Amino acid sequence: MHSLVLLPVMSMSITLGGIHNTGIIQTVLAQKVNIEAQSDADIALQKAQRIKADAVDAYFKSKDMPLEGTGMKMVLEAEKNGLDWRLLPAIAIRESTGGKHDCEKVKNNAFGWGSCKIGFKSNEEAIEVVAWNLGGNNPNTERHYDNKTTKQILRAYNPPSIVPHYAQQVMAIMDAIGKADEITIPNTTV
C-alpha cells in the first residue's frame, strides 16, 4: 500500500536543444515525493503482515506441511475479507494436515471446501475462494458466514451435528499458530 502525495511544483521550461523537459522534471519529482511519502502506518502494517505470514509459514514448516509458503497469501486474503488471520491456515490444518491429505477426487483443496467436491487451479485460488466465502462476500453463501464471529463461521462451516467439537479444534490450532492481536515487531537493535 502506497500513499500518493501530489505537491504543487514550480517549474520553468528549460530548452535543451529545442526540447522542452518541464513535464519530465515534474514527473520525476512527483514520483520521488510519492516514494518518500510512504507513511509509518503503511510500514507498520506491512511489518505486521510479514510477522503473521512468517508465523503461519513457521507453523507449516515445523509440521512439514505442503502449504508452507502460502502464509502471506492467507494473511492478505483474511484481511481483505475481514477474517482472523489464523483462520484459513487452521482450517487447512484441521481438514488436510496443511495440505498433506488434500481432497482425493479434486485438486488443490486443502480446506475440504464443498465436501471435497470442488477443486481449484491452485492453492492460491483455493485460499481466495474460501476466504471470500467465509468473509460473507459470496452472495450464494453469505447467509451462512456474513457478520459472524469466528466460532459462528466454524459452526456453519462444519456444524456440531456433523463434527461435534470442530470449532473448538480449529480455534485451538489458531491459538497454536499465534495469538490474534499478539503481534510483536522483533527488536533488531541488539
N, C-alpha and C. Protein backbone atom coordinates (compact mmCIF):
# COMPACT_ATOMS: atom_id res chain seq x y z
N MET A 1 0.84 -1.15 0.00
CA MET A 1 0.00 0.00 0.00
C MET A 1 0.89 1.22 0.00
N HIS A 2 0.70 2.08 -0.97
CA HIS A 2 1.49 3.29 -1.05
C HIS A 2 0.58 4.48 -1.06
N SER A 3 1.06 5.55 -0.46
CA SER A 3 0.31 6.80 -0.47
C SER A 3 0.74 7.61 -1.67
N LEU A 4 -0.16 8.33 -2.20
CA LEU A 4 0.16 9.20 -3.31
C LEU A 4 0.00 10.62 -2.82
N VAL A 5 1.07 11.38 -2.88
CA VAL A 5 1.04 12.76 -2.45
C VAL A 5 1.37 13.60 -3.66
N LEU A 6 0.50 14.49 -3.97
CA LEU A 6 0.73 15.40 -5.08
C LEU A 6 1.05 16.77 -4.51
N LEU A 7 2.21 17.27 -4.83
CA LEU A 7 2.61 18.59 -4.37
C LEU A 7 2.74 19.50 -5.56
N PRO A 8 2.31 20.75 -5.36
CA PRO A 8 2.50 21.68 -6.48
C PRO A 8 4.00 21.92 -6.67
N VAL A 9 4.43 21.91 -7.88
CA VAL A 9 5.83 22.09 -8.18
C VAL A 9 5.97 23.26 -9.14
N MET A 10 6.80 24.20 -8.72
CA MET A 10 7.08 25.31 -9.63
C MET A 10 8.10 24.82 -10.64
N SER A 11 7.84 25.14 -11.84
CA SER A 11 8.81 24.74 -12.84
C SER A 11 8.87 25.80 -13.92
N MET A 12 9.97 25.78 -14.56
CA MET A 12 10.08 26.65 -15.71
C MET A 12 10.57 25.80 -16.86
N SER A 13 10.19 26.19 -17.97
CA SER A 13 10.56 25.44 -19.14
C SER A 13 12.02 25.67 -19.47
N ILE A 14 12.74 24.58 -19.61
CA ILE A 14 14.15 24.65 -19.97
C ILE A 14 14.28 24.06 -21.36
N THR A 15 14.94 24.78 -22.19
CA THR A 15 15.12 24.29 -23.54
C THR A 15 16.53 23.75 -23.69
N LEU A 16 16.60 22.50 -24.05
CA LEU A 16 17.88 21.88 -24.34
C LEU A 16 17.82 21.35 -25.76
N GLY A 17 18.48 22.02 -26.60
CA GLY A 17 18.49 21.58 -27.99
C GLY A 17 17.10 21.56 -28.59
N GLY A 18 16.25 22.50 -28.19
CA GLY A 18 14.92 22.57 -28.75
C GLY A 18 13.92 21.65 -28.07
N ILE A 19 14.31 20.92 -27.02
CA ILE A 19 13.40 20.01 -26.33
C ILE A 19 12.99 20.63 -25.01
N HIS A 20 11.72 20.73 -24.77
CA HIS A 20 11.21 21.25 -23.50
C HIS A 20 11.03 20.06 -22.56
N ASN A 21 11.67 20.11 -21.38
CA ASN A 21 11.60 18.96 -20.48
C ASN A 21 10.89 19.27 -19.16
N THR A 22 10.03 20.25 -19.12
CA THR A 22 9.30 20.60 -17.90
C THR A 22 8.50 19.42 -17.38
N GLY A 23 7.78 18.74 -18.25
CA GLY A 23 6.95 17.61 -17.84
C GLY A 23 7.77 16.49 -17.24
N ILE A 24 8.93 16.24 -17.80
CA ILE A 24 9.79 15.17 -17.30
C ILE A 24 10.25 15.49 -15.88
N ILE A 25 10.68 16.72 -15.65
CA ILE A 25 11.15 17.14 -14.32
C ILE A 25 10.02 17.00 -13.31
N GLN A 26 8.83 17.46 -13.65
CA GLN A 26 7.70 17.36 -12.73
C GLN A 26 7.35 15.91 -12.42
N THR A 27 7.38 15.06 -13.42
CA THR A 27 7.04 13.65 -13.23
C THR A 27 8.05 12.98 -12.30
N VAL A 28 9.33 13.20 -12.53
CA VAL A 28 10.37 12.59 -11.72
C VAL A 28 10.25 13.08 -10.28
N LEU A 29 10.03 14.37 -10.09
CA LEU A 29 9.91 14.93 -8.75
C LEU A 29 8.68 14.38 -8.03
N ALA A 30 7.55 14.26 -8.72
CA ALA A 30 6.33 13.71 -8.11
C ALA A 30 6.54 12.25 -7.71
N GLN A 31 7.23 11.47 -8.53
CA GLN A 31 7.49 10.07 -8.20
C GLN A 31 8.38 9.97 -6.97
N LYS A 32 9.39 10.82 -6.86
CA LYS A 32 10.29 10.80 -5.72
C LYS A 32 9.53 11.15 -4.45
N VAL A 33 8.71 12.16 -4.48
CA VAL A 33 7.92 12.56 -3.32
C VAL A 33 6.97 11.43 -2.92
N ASN A 34 6.35 10.77 -3.89
CA ASN A 34 5.42 9.68 -3.60
C ASN A 34 6.13 8.52 -2.90
N ILE A 35 7.31 8.17 -3.35
CA ILE A 35 8.07 7.08 -2.74
C ILE A 35 8.43 7.44 -1.31
N GLU A 36 8.86 8.66 -1.08
CA GLU A 36 9.27 9.09 0.25
C GLU A 36 8.08 9.26 1.19
N ALA A 37 6.87 9.38 0.65
CA ALA A 37 5.70 9.68 1.47
C ALA A 37 5.03 8.43 2.05
N GLN A 38 5.61 7.27 1.84
CA GLN A 38 5.01 6.07 2.42
C GLN A 38 4.94 6.28 3.93
N SER A 39 3.76 6.17 4.46
CA SER A 39 3.55 6.52 5.86
C SER A 39 4.08 5.46 6.81
N ASP A 40 4.30 5.89 8.04
CA ASP A 40 4.71 4.96 9.09
C ASP A 40 3.65 3.89 9.29
N ALA A 41 2.37 4.27 9.13
CA ALA A 41 1.27 3.31 9.29
C ALA A 41 1.38 2.21 8.23
N ASP A 42 1.69 2.58 6.99
CA ASP A 42 1.85 1.59 5.92
C ASP A 42 3.00 0.64 6.23
N ILE A 43 4.09 1.19 6.73
CA ILE A 43 5.26 0.38 7.05
C ILE A 43 4.93 -0.56 8.20
N ALA A 44 4.23 -0.07 9.22
CA ALA A 44 3.85 -0.91 10.36
C ALA A 44 2.89 -2.01 9.93
N LEU A 45 1.95 -1.69 9.02
CA LEU A 45 1.02 -2.69 8.52
C LEU A 45 1.76 -3.80 7.77
N GLN A 46 2.68 -3.42 6.93
CA GLN A 46 3.45 -4.40 6.17
C GLN A 46 4.30 -5.28 7.10
N LYS A 47 4.86 -4.69 8.14
CA LYS A 47 5.64 -5.48 9.11
C LYS A 47 4.73 -6.46 9.83
N ALA A 48 3.55 -6.00 10.25
CA ALA A 48 2.60 -6.88 10.94
C ALA A 48 2.17 -8.03 10.03
N GLN A 49 1.90 -7.72 8.76
CA GLN A 49 1.52 -8.76 7.81
C GLN A 49 2.64 -9.77 7.64
N ARG A 50 3.87 -9.29 7.54
CA ARG A 50 5.02 -10.18 7.38
C ARG A 50 5.18 -11.06 8.61
N ILE A 51 5.02 -10.51 9.81
CA ILE A 51 5.15 -11.29 11.04
C ILE A 51 4.08 -12.38 11.09
N LYS A 52 2.84 -12.03 10.74
CA LYS A 52 1.75 -13.01 10.73
C LYS A 52 2.04 -14.11 9.71
N ALA A 53 2.43 -13.70 8.50
CA ALA A 53 2.73 -14.68 7.45
C ALA A 53 3.87 -15.60 7.86
N ASP A 54 4.88 -15.02 8.49
CA ASP A 54 6.01 -15.83 8.96
C ASP A 54 5.56 -16.82 10.03
N ALA A 55 4.63 -16.41 10.90
CA ALA A 55 4.12 -17.31 11.94
C ALA A 55 3.38 -18.48 11.31
N VAL A 56 2.57 -18.19 10.29
CA VAL A 56 1.84 -19.26 9.59
C VAL A 56 2.83 -20.21 8.92
N ASP A 57 3.76 -19.64 8.17
CA ASP A 57 4.72 -20.48 7.45
C ASP A 57 5.62 -21.27 8.41
N ALA A 58 5.98 -20.67 9.53
CA ALA A 58 6.80 -21.38 10.52
C ALA A 58 6.03 -22.57 11.10
N TYR A 59 4.74 -22.39 11.33
CA TYR A 59 3.93 -23.49 11.84
C TYR A 59 3.87 -24.62 10.80
N PHE A 60 3.57 -24.24 9.55
CA PHE A 60 3.53 -25.24 8.48
C PHE A 60 4.88 -25.96 8.37
N LYS A 61 5.97 -25.21 8.42
CA LYS A 61 7.30 -25.79 8.29
C LYS A 61 7.60 -26.74 9.45
N SER A 62 7.22 -26.35 10.67
CA SER A 62 7.52 -27.17 11.84
C SER A 62 6.83 -28.53 11.79
N LYS A 63 5.75 -28.62 11.02
CA LYS A 63 5.00 -29.87 10.89
C LYS A 63 5.19 -30.50 9.52
N ASP A 64 6.13 -29.93 8.72
CA ASP A 64 6.44 -30.43 7.38
C ASP A 64 5.18 -30.49 6.51
N MET A 65 4.45 -29.38 6.48
CA MET A 65 3.19 -29.31 5.74
C MET A 65 3.40 -28.63 4.38
N PRO A 66 2.80 -29.19 3.33
CA PRO A 66 2.98 -28.66 1.97
C PRO A 66 2.53 -27.21 1.77
N LEU A 67 1.67 -26.68 2.62
CA LEU A 67 1.20 -25.31 2.43
C LEU A 67 2.20 -24.26 2.90
N GLU A 68 3.36 -24.70 3.36
CA GLU A 68 4.40 -23.73 3.73
C GLU A 68 4.67 -22.83 2.53
N GLY A 69 4.74 -21.55 2.78
CA GLY A 69 4.96 -20.57 1.71
C GLY A 69 3.69 -19.84 1.30
N THR A 70 2.55 -20.28 1.80
CA THR A 70 1.27 -19.62 1.48
C THR A 70 0.82 -18.67 2.59
N GLY A 71 1.65 -18.50 3.59
CA GLY A 71 1.29 -17.66 4.74
C GLY A 71 0.86 -16.26 4.37
N MET A 72 1.64 -15.58 3.53
CA MET A 72 1.30 -14.20 3.16
C MET A 72 -0.02 -14.15 2.40
N LYS A 73 -0.24 -15.09 1.49
CA LYS A 73 -1.50 -15.13 0.74
C LYS A 73 -2.67 -15.29 1.71
N MET A 74 -2.52 -16.18 2.69
CA MET A 74 -3.59 -16.41 3.66
C MET A 74 -3.85 -15.16 4.50
N VAL A 75 -2.80 -14.50 4.93
CA VAL A 75 -2.95 -13.28 5.74
C VAL A 75 -3.63 -12.18 4.93
N LEU A 76 -3.19 -11.96 3.72
CA LEU A 76 -3.76 -10.89 2.89
C LEU A 76 -5.23 -11.17 2.56
N GLU A 77 -5.55 -12.41 2.22
CA GLU A 77 -6.95 -12.74 1.90
C GLU A 77 -7.83 -12.66 3.15
N ALA A 78 -7.30 -13.05 4.30
CA ALA A 78 -8.06 -12.94 5.54
C ALA A 78 -8.36 -11.46 5.82
N GLU A 79 -7.35 -10.61 5.70
CA GLU A 79 -7.55 -9.18 5.94
C GLU A 79 -8.55 -8.59 4.95
N LYS A 80 -8.41 -8.97 3.69
CA LYS A 80 -9.30 -8.45 2.65
C LYS A 80 -10.76 -8.83 2.92
N ASN A 81 -10.97 -9.97 3.57
CA ASN A 81 -12.32 -10.48 3.79
C ASN A 81 -12.79 -10.39 5.24
N GLY A 82 -12.06 -9.65 6.06
CA GLY A 82 -12.47 -9.41 7.44
C GLY A 82 -12.41 -10.63 8.35
N LEU A 83 -11.45 -11.51 8.11
CA LEU A 83 -11.31 -12.73 8.90
C LEU A 83 -10.09 -12.66 9.81
N ASP A 84 -10.10 -13.45 10.86
CA ASP A 84 -8.93 -13.62 11.71
C ASP A 84 -7.83 -14.23 10.83
N TRP A 85 -6.63 -13.69 10.92
CA TRP A 85 -5.52 -14.11 10.06
C TRP A 85 -5.13 -15.58 10.25
N ARG A 86 -5.52 -16.18 11.35
CA ARG A 86 -5.16 -17.57 11.65
C ARG A 86 -6.20 -18.58 11.19
N LEU A 87 -7.38 -18.08 10.78
CA LEU A 87 -8.49 -18.98 10.47
C LEU A 87 -8.21 -19.89 9.28
N LEU A 88 -7.78 -19.35 8.17
CA LEU A 88 -7.55 -20.16 6.96
C LEU A 88 -6.49 -21.24 7.19
N PRO A 89 -5.32 -20.88 7.75
CA PRO A 89 -4.35 -21.96 7.98
C PRO A 89 -4.86 -23.01 8.96
N ALA A 90 -5.59 -22.59 9.99
CA ALA A 90 -6.09 -23.55 10.97
C ALA A 90 -7.10 -24.52 10.35
N ILE A 91 -7.97 -24.01 9.49
CA ILE A 91 -8.92 -24.90 8.80
C ILE A 91 -8.16 -25.88 7.91
N ALA A 92 -7.16 -25.38 7.18
CA ALA A 92 -6.38 -26.26 6.31
C ALA A 92 -5.65 -27.33 7.12
N ILE A 93 -5.19 -26.96 8.30
CA ILE A 93 -4.51 -27.94 9.15
C ILE A 93 -5.51 -28.99 9.63
N ARG A 94 -6.67 -28.54 10.07
CA ARG A 94 -7.69 -29.48 10.59
C ARG A 94 -8.23 -30.38 9.48
N GLU A 95 -8.42 -29.82 8.30
CA GLU A 95 -9.05 -30.57 7.20
C GLU A 95 -8.08 -31.48 6.46
N SER A 96 -6.83 -31.05 6.29
CA SER A 96 -5.93 -31.83 5.43
C SER A 96 -4.50 -31.92 5.96
N THR A 97 -4.31 -31.62 7.22
CA THR A 97 -2.97 -31.58 7.80
C THR A 97 -2.07 -30.65 6.97
N GLY A 98 -2.61 -29.46 6.71
CA GLY A 98 -1.84 -28.45 5.99
C GLY A 98 -1.49 -28.82 4.57
N GLY A 99 -2.36 -29.58 3.92
CA GLY A 99 -2.14 -29.97 2.53
C GLY A 99 -1.58 -31.37 2.35
N LYS A 100 -1.21 -32.03 3.44
CA LYS A 100 -0.67 -33.40 3.32
C LYS A 100 -1.73 -34.36 2.80
N HIS A 101 -2.97 -34.15 3.19
CA HIS A 101 -4.05 -35.05 2.81
C HIS A 101 -5.18 -34.27 2.15
N ASP A 102 -4.85 -33.60 1.05
CA ASP A 102 -5.87 -32.86 0.28
C ASP A 102 -6.99 -33.80 -0.14
N CYS A 103 -8.07 -33.19 -0.55
CA CYS A 103 -9.18 -33.98 -1.09
C CYS A 103 -8.65 -34.86 -2.22
N GLU A 104 -9.06 -36.10 -2.25
CA GLU A 104 -8.51 -37.06 -3.21
C GLU A 104 -9.08 -36.92 -4.62
N LYS A 105 -10.36 -36.58 -4.73
CA LYS A 105 -11.02 -36.57 -6.04
C LYS A 105 -10.88 -35.25 -6.79
N VAL A 106 -10.45 -34.21 -6.11
CA VAL A 106 -10.28 -32.90 -6.74
C VAL A 106 -8.90 -32.35 -6.38
N LYS A 107 -8.46 -31.35 -7.13
CA LYS A 107 -7.12 -30.79 -6.92
C LYS A 107 -7.16 -29.53 -6.06
N ASN A 108 -6.07 -29.33 -5.32
CA ASN A 108 -5.81 -28.09 -4.59
C ASN A 108 -6.93 -27.68 -3.64
N ASN A 109 -7.45 -28.62 -2.89
CA ASN A 109 -8.49 -28.30 -1.92
C ASN A 109 -8.05 -28.80 -0.54
N ALA A 110 -7.20 -28.02 0.11
CA ALA A 110 -6.72 -28.38 1.44
C ALA A 110 -7.73 -28.02 2.52
N PHE A 111 -8.81 -27.34 2.14
CA PHE A 111 -9.80 -26.86 3.10
C PHE A 111 -11.02 -27.77 3.21
N GLY A 112 -11.09 -28.80 2.40
CA GLY A 112 -12.29 -29.64 2.40
C GLY A 112 -13.51 -28.89 1.91
N TRP A 113 -13.28 -27.79 1.20
CA TRP A 113 -14.35 -26.92 0.73
C TRP A 113 -15.33 -27.68 -0.16
N GLY A 114 -16.61 -27.47 0.08
CA GLY A 114 -17.64 -28.12 -0.74
C GLY A 114 -17.65 -29.62 -0.57
N SER A 115 -17.35 -30.08 0.65
CA SER A 115 -17.29 -31.52 0.94
C SER A 115 -16.36 -32.25 -0.02
N CYS A 116 -15.27 -31.61 -0.37
CA CYS A 116 -14.24 -32.17 -1.26
C CYS A 116 -14.77 -32.48 -2.67
N LYS A 117 -15.78 -31.73 -3.09
CA LYS A 117 -16.31 -31.91 -4.45
C LYS A 117 -15.89 -30.78 -5.37
N ILE A 118 -15.19 -29.80 -4.82
CA ILE A 118 -14.78 -28.62 -5.60
C ILE A 118 -13.26 -28.56 -5.63
N GLY A 119 -12.71 -28.52 -6.83
CA GLY A 119 -11.27 -28.38 -6.98
C GLY A 119 -10.91 -26.98 -7.42
N PHE A 120 -9.63 -26.66 -7.34
CA PHE A 120 -9.15 -25.33 -7.70
C PHE A 120 -7.92 -25.44 -8.59
N LYS A 121 -7.65 -24.39 -9.35
CA LYS A 121 -6.48 -24.38 -10.23
C LYS A 121 -5.18 -24.39 -9.43
N SER A 122 -5.23 -23.78 -8.22
CA SER A 122 -4.03 -23.67 -7.40
C SER A 122 -4.44 -23.50 -5.94
N ASN A 123 -3.47 -23.65 -5.05
CA ASN A 123 -3.74 -23.40 -3.65
C ASN A 123 -4.10 -21.93 -3.43
N GLU A 124 -3.50 -21.05 -4.19
CA GLU A 124 -3.78 -19.62 -4.08
C GLU A 124 -5.24 -19.33 -4.42
N GLU A 125 -5.75 -19.96 -5.48
CA GLU A 125 -7.15 -19.78 -5.83
C GLU A 125 -8.06 -20.33 -4.73
N ALA A 126 -7.70 -21.47 -4.16
CA ALA A 126 -8.49 -22.05 -3.07
C ALA A 126 -8.53 -21.08 -1.88
N ILE A 127 -7.40 -20.50 -1.55
CA ILE A 127 -7.33 -19.54 -0.44
C ILE A 127 -8.25 -18.35 -0.71
N GLU A 128 -8.20 -17.82 -1.94
CA GLU A 128 -9.05 -16.68 -2.30
C GLU A 128 -10.54 -17.03 -2.19
N VAL A 129 -10.93 -18.16 -2.75
CA VAL A 129 -12.34 -18.55 -2.78
C VAL A 129 -12.86 -18.84 -1.37
N VAL A 130 -12.11 -19.58 -0.59
CA VAL A 130 -12.56 -19.92 0.76
C VAL A 130 -12.65 -18.65 1.61
N ALA A 131 -11.67 -17.78 1.53
CA ALA A 131 -11.70 -16.52 2.30
C ALA A 131 -12.89 -15.66 1.88
N TRP A 132 -13.12 -15.57 0.59
CA TRP A 132 -14.24 -14.77 0.06
C TRP A 132 -15.57 -15.29 0.60
N ASN A 133 -15.71 -16.59 0.62
CA ASN A 133 -16.94 -17.18 1.14
C ASN A 133 -17.06 -17.01 2.65
N LEU A 134 -16.01 -17.35 3.38
CA LEU A 134 -16.07 -17.26 4.84
C LEU A 134 -16.23 -15.82 5.33
N GLY A 135 -15.78 -14.88 4.52
CA GLY A 135 -15.95 -13.47 4.86
C GLY A 135 -17.36 -12.96 4.60
N GLY A 136 -18.23 -13.82 4.06
CA GLY A 136 -19.61 -13.43 3.79
C GLY A 136 -19.77 -12.59 2.54
N ASN A 137 -18.81 -12.69 1.62
CA ASN A 137 -18.82 -11.85 0.42
C ASN A 137 -19.39 -12.51 -0.82
N ASN A 138 -19.65 -13.79 -0.76
CA ASN A 138 -20.27 -14.51 -1.87
C ASN A 138 -21.78 -14.49 -1.65
N PRO A 139 -22.54 -13.88 -2.56
CA PRO A 139 -23.99 -13.82 -2.39
C PRO A 139 -24.64 -15.20 -2.21
N ASN A 140 -24.02 -16.24 -2.74
CA ASN A 140 -24.58 -17.59 -2.63
C ASN A 140 -24.38 -18.23 -1.25
N THR A 141 -23.40 -17.75 -0.49
CA THR A 141 -23.13 -18.35 0.82
C THR A 141 -23.16 -17.33 1.96
N GLU A 142 -23.44 -16.08 1.66
CA GLU A 142 -23.36 -15.05 2.69
C GLU A 142 -24.28 -15.31 3.88
N ARG A 143 -25.41 -15.94 3.67
CA ARG A 143 -26.34 -16.20 4.78
C ARG A 143 -25.69 -17.08 5.85
N HIS A 144 -24.70 -17.86 5.47
CA HIS A 144 -24.02 -18.73 6.43
C HIS A 144 -22.89 -18.03 7.18
N TYR A 145 -22.25 -17.04 6.53
CA TYR A 145 -20.99 -16.51 7.07
C TYR A 145 -20.97 -15.01 7.34
N ASP A 146 -21.85 -14.23 6.75
CA ASP A 146 -21.79 -12.78 6.89
C ASP A 146 -22.10 -12.35 8.32
N ASN A 147 -21.31 -11.40 8.81
CA ASN A 147 -21.50 -10.83 10.16
C ASN A 147 -21.49 -11.87 11.26
N LYS A 148 -20.59 -12.83 11.16
CA LYS A 148 -20.48 -13.91 12.15
C LYS A 148 -19.14 -13.82 12.87
N THR A 149 -19.12 -14.30 14.10
CA THR A 149 -17.86 -14.44 14.81
C THR A 149 -17.10 -15.63 14.22
N THR A 150 -15.85 -15.76 14.59
CA THR A 150 -15.06 -16.89 14.10
C THR A 150 -15.71 -18.21 14.51
N LYS A 151 -16.16 -18.30 15.73
CA LYS A 151 -16.80 -19.53 16.20
C LYS A 151 -18.07 -19.83 15.40
N GLN A 152 -18.87 -18.80 15.11
CA GLN A 152 -20.09 -18.99 14.32
C GLN A 152 -19.75 -19.41 12.89
N ILE A 153 -18.70 -18.84 12.33
CA ILE A 153 -18.26 -19.22 10.98
C ILE A 153 -17.89 -20.70 10.97
N LEU A 154 -17.15 -21.13 11.97
CA LEU A 154 -16.72 -22.53 12.04
C LEU A 154 -17.89 -23.47 12.25
N ARG A 155 -18.88 -23.05 13.02
CA ARG A 155 -20.06 -23.89 13.23
C ARG A 155 -20.91 -23.99 11.97
N ALA A 156 -20.85 -22.98 11.12
CA ALA A 156 -21.55 -23.05 9.84
C ALA A 156 -20.74 -23.89 8.85
N TYR A 157 -19.42 -23.77 8.91
CA TYR A 157 -18.52 -24.48 8.00
C TYR A 157 -18.62 -25.99 8.22
N ASN A 158 -18.67 -26.38 9.48
CA ASN A 158 -18.77 -27.80 9.83
C ASN A 158 -19.60 -27.88 11.11
N PRO A 159 -20.91 -28.00 10.98
CA PRO A 159 -21.81 -27.94 12.14
C PRO A 159 -21.52 -29.00 13.21
N PRO A 160 -21.80 -28.65 14.47
CA PRO A 160 -21.58 -29.58 15.57
C PRO A 160 -22.33 -30.90 15.41
N SER A 161 -23.42 -30.88 14.67
CA SER A 161 -24.17 -32.13 14.44
C SER A 161 -23.38 -33.09 13.54
N ILE A 162 -22.42 -32.56 12.78
CA ILE A 162 -21.60 -33.39 11.89
C ILE A 162 -20.26 -33.72 12.57
N VAL A 163 -19.59 -32.70 13.06
CA VAL A 163 -18.33 -32.87 13.79
C VAL A 163 -18.48 -32.10 15.11
N PRO A 164 -18.80 -32.79 16.19
CA PRO A 164 -19.17 -32.14 17.45
C PRO A 164 -18.22 -31.05 17.98
N HIS A 165 -16.94 -31.21 17.91
CA HIS A 165 -16.01 -30.23 18.51
C HIS A 165 -15.16 -29.51 17.47
N TYR A 166 -15.67 -29.43 16.26
CA TYR A 166 -14.90 -28.85 15.16
C TYR A 166 -14.44 -27.43 15.47
N ALA A 167 -15.35 -26.56 15.89
CA ALA A 167 -15.00 -25.16 16.16
C ALA A 167 -13.89 -25.07 17.21
N GLN A 168 -14.01 -25.82 18.28
CA GLN A 168 -13.00 -25.80 19.33
C GLN A 168 -11.66 -26.32 18.83
N GLN A 169 -11.70 -27.35 17.99
CA GLN A 169 -10.46 -27.91 17.45
C GLN A 169 -9.73 -26.89 16.58
N VAL A 170 -10.48 -26.24 15.70
CA VAL A 170 -9.86 -25.25 14.81
C VAL A 170 -9.35 -24.05 15.61
N MET A 171 -10.11 -23.62 16.61
CA MET A 171 -9.69 -22.48 17.41
C MET A 171 -8.45 -22.81 18.25
N ALA A 172 -8.31 -24.05 18.66
CA ALA A 172 -7.09 -24.47 19.37
C ALA A 172 -5.88 -24.42 18.43
N ILE A 173 -6.07 -24.80 17.18
CA ILE A 173 -4.99 -24.71 16.19
C ILE A 173 -4.65 -23.25 15.94
N MET A 174 -5.67 -22.40 15.87
CA MET A 174 -5.42 -20.97 15.70
C MET A 174 -4.53 -20.44 16.82
N ASP A 175 -4.82 -20.84 18.04
CA ASP A 175 -4.00 -20.39 19.19
C ASP A 175 -2.58 -20.95 19.12
N ALA A 176 -2.43 -22.15 18.56
CA ALA A 176 -1.09 -22.73 18.41
C ALA A 176 -0.27 -21.96 17.38
N ILE A 177 -0.94 -21.40 16.37
CA ILE A 177 -0.26 -20.61 15.34
C ILE A 177 0.20 -19.28 15.93
N GLY A 178 -0.64 -18.67 16.74
CA GLY A 178 -0.31 -17.38 17.36
C GLY A 178 -1.55 -16.76 17.95
N LYS A 179 -1.35 -15.76 18.77
CA LYS A 179 -2.47 -15.04 19.37
C LYS A 179 -2.98 -13.99 18.38
N ALA A 180 -4.28 -13.77 18.37
CA ALA A 180 -4.92 -12.89 17.39
C ALA A 180 -4.28 -11.51 17.33
N ASP A 181 -4.11 -10.86 18.45
CA ASP A 181 -3.60 -9.49 18.45
C ASP A 181 -2.20 -9.38 19.04
N GLU A 182 -1.57 -10.51 19.25
CA GLU A 182 -0.26 -10.51 19.88
C GLU A 182 0.82 -10.53 18.82
N ILE A 183 0.88 -9.46 18.07
CA ILE A 183 1.90 -9.35 17.03
C ILE A 183 2.97 -8.39 17.55
N THR A 184 4.15 -8.91 17.73
CA THR A 184 5.24 -8.11 18.24
C THR A 184 6.27 -7.94 17.13
N ILE A 185 6.71 -6.73 16.94
CA ILE A 185 7.75 -6.49 15.95
C ILE A 185 9.07 -6.75 16.65
N PRO A 186 9.85 -7.71 16.14
CA PRO A 186 11.10 -8.07 16.81
C PRO A 186 12.06 -6.89 16.90
N ASN A 187 12.78 -6.84 17.99
CA ASN A 187 13.79 -5.81 18.19
C ASN A 187 15.04 -6.22 17.44
N THR A 188 15.40 -5.44 16.46
CA THR A 188 16.57 -5.79 15.65
C THR A 188 17.81 -5.03 16.08
N THR A 189 17.67 -4.20 17.12
CA THR A 189 18.83 -3.43 17.60
C THR A 189 19.38 -4.10 18.85
N VAL A 190 20.22 -5.08 18.66
CA VAL A 190 20.81 -5.80 19.81
C VAL A 190 22.28 -5.52 19.88
